[in-house]
Amino acid sequence: NNFNMKLVGLRFFTVFGPWGRPDMLVLKLLDKIKNKKTFYINNFGNHSRDFTYIDDVIDMIMGLFSKYKKIKKFDYFNICSNNPISLMEIINHIIKNSKGAKLKKIKFQKADVFKTHGSNKKILKITKLKKFSNIFESLDKTVDWHKRVDY
């Protein structure tokens, strides 16, 4: 208030893609496959997440910058695909062409969350974004990138 500043909070939902966080599912799984190590799947794979490809994240943030005047003094936005998907669908897609992928399903971990899902209606209303990346094409791009770099 003293400085008449606008503040915007962003809530990110399971962002993935090239140069992503190595502790998140996609890159963690790719590293285990590359290093021929076992990947442990919590809750026997019965989770779902609102995966958001990095290119879509960038489009949403840039869309907010371009509509700065439409944003209230303080506001927050979910940065998400609004399309939760089963972890096993993601895992199976990634490993379909991976020889020797070692998976071990384990029970639910106390600190784990069954489902994450955000609504992106608010940010889409402001940014007018209409199209999101196809999750499986985005996973394929991430897998191809991971094969080319020493991450």
C-alpha atoms as a PDB file:
ATOM      1  CA  ASN A   1       0.000   0.000   0.000  1.00  0.00           C
ATOM      2  CA  ASN A   2       2.765   2.456   0.938  1.00  0.00           C
ATOM      3  CA  PHE A   3       4.455   2.047  -2.436  1.00  0.00           C
ATOM      4  CA  ASN A   4       1.314   1.481  -4.549  1.00  0.00           C
ATOM      5  CA  MET A   5       2.659  -1.843  -5.844  1.00  0.00           C
ATOM      6  CA  LYS A   6       0.776  -4.665  -7.499  1.00  0.00           C
ATOM      7  CA  LEU A   7       1.630  -8.100  -6.164  1.00  0.00           C
ATOM      8  CA  VAL A   8       0.903 -11.357  -7.941  1.00  0.00           C
ATOM      9  CA  GLY A   9       1.177 -14.817  -6.410  1.00  0.00           C
ATOM     10  CA  LEU A  10       1.677 -17.819  -8.670  1.00  0.00           C
ATOM     11  CA  ARG A  11       0.854 -21.415  -7.684  1.00  0.00           C
ATOM     12  CA  PHE A  12       2.694 -23.908  -9.903  1.00  0.00           C
ATOM     13  CA  PHE A  13       1.340 -27.436 -10.427  1.00  0.00           C
ATOM     14  CA  THR A  14       3.842 -30.206 -11.301  1.00  0.00           C
ATOM     15  CA  VAL A  15       5.887 -28.346 -13.905  1.00  0.00           C
ATOM     16  CA  PHE A  16       8.017 -30.568 -16.146  1.00  0.00           C
ATOM     17  CA  GLY A  17      10.197 -30.290 -19.213  1.00  0.00           C
ATOM     18  CA  PRO A  18      13.820 -29.676 -20.156  1.00  0.00           C
ATOM     19  CA  TRP A  19      15.983 -28.350 -17.305  1.00  0.00           C
ATOM     20  CA  GLY A  20      13.219 -29.121 -14.826  1.00  0.00           C
ATOM     21  CA  ARG A  21      13.578 -30.027 -11.185  1.00  0.00           C
ATOM     22  CA  PRO A  22      15.487 -33.316 -10.824  1.00  0.00           C
ATOM     23  CA  ASP A  23      13.426 -34.283  -7.762  1.00  0.00           C
ATOM     24  CA  MET A  24      10.140 -34.319  -9.701  1.00  0.00           C
ATOM     25  CA  LEU A  25       8.655 -37.464 -11.257  1.00  0.00           C
ATOM     26  CA  VAL A  26       9.584 -37.095 -14.936  1.00  0.00           C
ATOM     27  CA  LEU A  27      13.287 -36.283 -14.582  1.00  0.00           C
ATOM     28  CA  LYS A  28      13.678 -38.536 -11.571  1.00  0.00           C
ATOM     29  CA  LEU A  29      12.304 -41.471 -13.577  1.00  0.00           C
ATOM     30  CA  LEU A  30      14.465 -40.623 -16.606  1.00  0.00           C
ATOM     31  CA  ASP A  31      17.574 -40.501 -14.416  1.00  0.00           C
ATOM     32  CA  LYS A  32      16.765 -43.893 -12.873  1.00  0.00           C
ATOM     33  CA  ILE A  33      16.285 -45.401 -16.345  1.00  0.00           C
ATOM     34  CA  LYS A  34      19.527 -43.863 -17.657  1.00  0.00           C
ATOM     35  CA  ASN A  35      21.493 -45.089 -14.626  1.00  0.00           C
ATOM     36  CA  LYS A  36      19.816 -48.526 -14.601  1.00  0.00           C
ATOM     37  CA  LYS A  37      18.455 -48.028 -11.083  1.00  0.00           C
ATOM     38  CA  THR A  38      15.114 -48.964  -9.579  1.00  0.00           C
ATOM     39  CA  PHE A  39      12.373 -46.339  -9.574  1.00  0.00           C
ATOM     40  CA  TYR A  40      10.023 -46.628  -6.593  1.00  0.00           C
ATOM     41  CA  ILE A  41       6.376 -45.783  -7.220  1.00  0.00           C
ATOM     42  CA  ASN A  42       4.506 -44.710  -4.096  1.00  0.00           C
ATOM     43  CA  ASN A  43       0.963 -45.890  -3.396  1.00  0.00           C
ATOM     44  CA  PHE A  44       1.331 -48.535  -6.119  1.00  0.00           C
ATOM     45  CA  GLY A  45       0.952 -45.730  -8.690  1.00  0.00           C
ATOM     46  CA  ASN A  46      -2.547 -44.717  -7.602  1.00  0.00           C
ATOM     47  CA  HIS A  47      -1.864 -40.993  -7.720  1.00  0.00           C
ATOM     48  CA  SER A  48      -2.723 -38.252 -10.155  1.00  0.00           C
ATOM     49  CA  ARG A  49      -1.082 -34.902 -10.769  1.00  0.00           C
ATOM     50  CA  ASP A  50      -1.866 -31.787 -12.748  1.00  0.00           C
ATOM     51  CA  PHE A  51       1.225 -31.900 -14.987  1.00  0.00           C
ATOM     52  CA  THR A  52       2.105 -28.611 -16.710  1.00  0.00           C
ATOM     53  CA  TYR A  53       4.656 -28.424 -19.504  1.00  0.00           C
ATOM     54  CA  ILE A  54       7.231 -25.640 -19.153  1.00  0.00           C
ATOM     55  CA  ASP A  55       6.266 -24.017 -22.483  1.00  0.00           C
ATOM     56  CA  ASP A  56       2.687 -23.621 -21.203  1.00  0.00           C
ATOM     57  CA  VAL A  57       3.992 -22.176 -17.930  1.00  0.00           C
ATOM     58  CA  ILE A  58       5.965 -19.571 -19.886  1.00  0.00           C
ATOM     59  CA  ASP A  59       2.940 -18.742 -22.052  1.00  0.00           C
ATOM     60  CA  MET A  60       0.767 -18.200 -18.953  1.00  0.00           C
ATOM     61  CA  ILE A  61       3.327 -15.995 -17.214  1.00  0.00           C
ATOM     62  CA  MET A  62       4.007 -13.941 -20.342  1.00  0.00           C
ATOM     63  CA  GLY A  63       0.250 -13.640 -20.842  1.00  0.00           C
ATOM     64  CA  LEU A  64      -0.054 -12.179 -17.345  1.00  0.00           C
ATOM     65  CA  PHE A  65       2.740  -9.680 -18.051  1.00  0.00           C
ATOM     66  CA  SER A  66       0.975  -8.538 -21.203  1.00  0.00           C
ATOM     67  CA  LYS A  67      -2.305  -7.991 -19.291  1.00  0.00           C
ATOM     68  CA  TYR A  68      -0.697  -6.283 -16.291  1.00  0.00           C
ATOM     69  CA  LYS A  69      -3.293  -3.480 -16.196  1.00  0.00           C
ATOM     70  CA  LYS A  70      -6.148  -5.969 -15.825  1.00  0.00           C
ATOM     71  CA  ILE A  71      -4.651  -7.482 -12.665  1.00  0.00           C
ATOM     72  CA  LYS A  72      -5.949  -6.255  -9.312  1.00  0.00           C
ATOM     73  CA  LYS A  73      -3.707  -4.673  -6.668  1.00  0.00           C
ATOM     74  CA  PHE A  74      -3.094  -8.154  -5.251  1.00  0.00           C
ATOM     75  CA  ASP A  75      -4.042 -11.347  -6.991  1.00  0.00           C
ATOM     76  CA  TYR A  76      -2.949 -14.950  -7.318  1.00  0.00           C
ATOM     77  CA  PHE A  77      -3.135 -17.440 -10.157  1.00  0.00           C
ATOM     78  CA  ASN A  78      -2.806 -21.187 -10.611  1.00  0.00           C
ATOM     79  CA  ILE A  79      -0.235 -22.132 -13.228  1.00  0.00           C
ATOM     80  CA  CYS A  80      -1.599 -25.499 -14.306  1.00  0.00           C
ATOM     81  CA  SER A  81      -3.039 -27.535 -17.147  1.00  0.00           C
ATOM     82  CA  ASN A  82      -6.331 -28.141 -15.312  1.00  0.00           C
ATOM     83  CA  ASN A  83      -6.027 -31.745 -16.484  1.00  0.00           C
ATOM     84  CA  PRO A  84      -4.890 -34.217 -13.813  1.00  0.00           C
ATOM     85  CA  ILE A  85      -3.509 -37.490 -15.118  1.00  0.00           C
ATOM     86  CA  SER A  86      -2.574 -40.782 -13.491  1.00  0.00           C
ATOM     87  CA  LEU A  87       1.090 -41.180 -12.583  1.00  0.00           C
ATOM     88  CA  MET A  88       1.017 -44.656 -14.085  1.00  0.00           C
ATOM     89  CA  GLU A  89      -0.122 -43.200 -17.423  1.00  0.00           C
ATOM     90  CA  ILE A  90       2.882 -40.866 -17.352  1.00  0.00           C
ATOM     91  CA  ILE A  91       5.287 -43.591 -16.213  1.00  0.00           C
ATOM     92  CA  ASN A  92       4.036 -46.113 -18.777  1.00  0.00           C
ATOM     93  CA  HIS A  93       4.347 -43.571 -21.577  1.00  0.00           C
ATOM     94  CA  ILE A  94       7.930 -42.731 -20.597  1.00  0.00           C
ATOM     95  CA  ILE A  95       9.082 -46.334 -20.249  1.00  0.00           C
ATOM     96  CA  LYS A  96       7.314 -47.728 -23.349  1.00  0.00           C
ATOM     97  CA  ASN A  97      10.578 -47.537 -25.330  1.00  0.00           C
ATOM     98  CA  SER A  98      12.974 -47.989 -22.414  1.00  0.00           C
ATOM     99  CA  LYS A  99      14.632 -51.362 -22.252  1.00  0.00           C
ATOM    100  CA  GLY A 100      15.328 -52.598 -18.778  1.00  0.00           C
ATOM    101  CA  ALA A 101      13.354 -49.984 -16.847  1.00  0.00           C
ATOM    102  CA  LYS A 102      13.150 -51.229 -13.266  1.00  0.00           C
ATOM    103  CA  LEU A 103      10.014 -50.233 -11.350  1.00  0.00           C
ATOM    104  CA  LYS A 104       8.958 -51.192  -7.873  1.00  0.00           C
ATOM    105  CA  LYS A 105       5.530 -50.274  -6.562  1.00  0.00           C
ATOM    106  CA  ILE A 106       5.423 -49.547  -2.840  1.00  0.00           C
ATOM    107  CA  LYS A 107       2.712 -48.601  -0.354  1.00  0.00           C
ATOM    108  CA  PHE A 108       1.396 -45.110   0.335  1.00  0.00           C
ATOM    109  CA  GLN A 109       3.855 -42.781   2.077  1.00  0.00           C
ATOM    110  CA  LYS A 110       2.412 -40.702   4.938  1.00  0.00           C
ATOM    111  CA  ALA A 111       3.573 -37.355   3.559  1.00  0.00           C
ATOM    112  CA  ASP A 112       2.314 -38.060   0.037  1.00  0.00           C
ATOM    113  CA  VAL A 113      -0.733 -36.488  -1.617  1.00  0.00           C
ATOM    114  CA  PHE A 114      -3.185 -38.600  -3.640  1.00  0.00           C
ATOM    115  CA  LYS A 115      -4.133 -35.926  -6.174  1.00  0.00           C
ATOM    116  CA  THR A 116      -3.106 -32.423  -7.118  1.00  0.00           C
ATOM    117  CA  HIS A 117      -5.368 -30.461  -9.394  1.00  0.00           C
ATOM    118  CA  GLY A 118      -5.658 -26.755  -9.997  1.00  0.00           C
ATOM    119  CA  SER A 119      -8.150 -24.687 -11.893  1.00  0.00           C
ATOM    120  CA  ASN A 120      -6.680 -22.393 -14.530  1.00  0.00           C
ATOM    121  CA  LYS A 121      -9.973 -20.665 -15.408  1.00  0.00           C
ATOM    122  CA  LYS A 122      -8.932 -17.422 -13.733  1.00  0.00           C
ATOM    123  CA  ILE A 123      -5.623 -17.075 -15.594  1.00  0.00           C
ATOM    124  CA  LEU A 124      -7.167 -18.142 -18.905  1.00  0.00           C
ATOM    125  CA  LYS A 125      -9.853 -15.482 -18.537  1.00  0.00           C
ATOM    126  CA  ILE A 126      -7.172 -12.778 -18.344  1.00  0.00           C
ATOM    127  CA  THR A 127      -4.605 -14.178 -20.776  1.00  0.00           C
ATOM    128  CA  LYS A 128      -7.091 -15.584 -23.326  1.00  0.00           C
ATOM    129  CA  LEU A 129      -4.843 -18.631 -23.826  1.00  0.00           C
ATOM    130  CA  LYS A 130      -6.711 -21.369 -25.608  1.00  0.00           C
ATOM    131  CA  LYS A 131      -4.278 -24.137 -26.450  1.00  0.00           C
ATOM    132  CA  PHE A 132      -2.043 -26.236 -24.239  1.00  0.00           C
ATOM    133  CA  SER A 133       0.711 -28.641 -25.194  1.00  0.00           C
ATOM    134  CA  ASN A 134      -0.229 -32.276 -25.628  1.00  0.00           C
ATOM    135  CA  ILE A 135       1.003 -34.081 -22.509  1.00  0.00           C
ATOM    136  CA  PHE A 136       2.402 -37.083 -24.385  1.00  0.00           C
ATOM    137  CA  GLU A 137       4.160 -35.009 -27.048  1.00  0.00           C
ATOM    138  CA  SER A 138       5.617 -32.883 -24.250  1.00  0.00           C
ATOM    139  CA  LEU A 139       6.835 -35.992 -22.432  1.00  0.00           C
ATOM    140  CA  ASP A 140       8.464 -37.205 -25.659  1.00  0.00           C
ATOM    141  CA  LYS A 141      10.250 -33.848 -26.069  1.00  0.00           C
ATOM    142  CA  THR A 142      11.476 -34.098 -22.484  1.00  0.00           C
ATOM    143  CA  VAL A 143      12.709 -37.669 -22.987  1.00  0.00           C
ATOM    144  CA  ASP A 144      14.544 -36.648 -26.197  1.00  0.00           C
ATOM    145  CA  TRP A 145      16.142 -33.693 -24.402  1.00  0.00           C
ATOM    146  CA  HIS A 146      17.193 -35.903 -21.478  1.00  0.00           C
ATOM    147  CA  LYS A 147      18.934 -38.339 -23.838  1.00  0.00           C
ATOM    148  CA  ARG A 148      21.022 -35.486 -25.338  1.00  0.00           C
ATOM    149  CA  VAL A 149      22.226 -33.829 -22.117  1.00  0.00           C
ATOM    150  CA  ASP A 150      24.305 -34.936 -19.180  1.00  0.00           C
ATOM    151  CA  TYR A 151      21.811 -33.731 -16.591  1.00  0.00           C
END
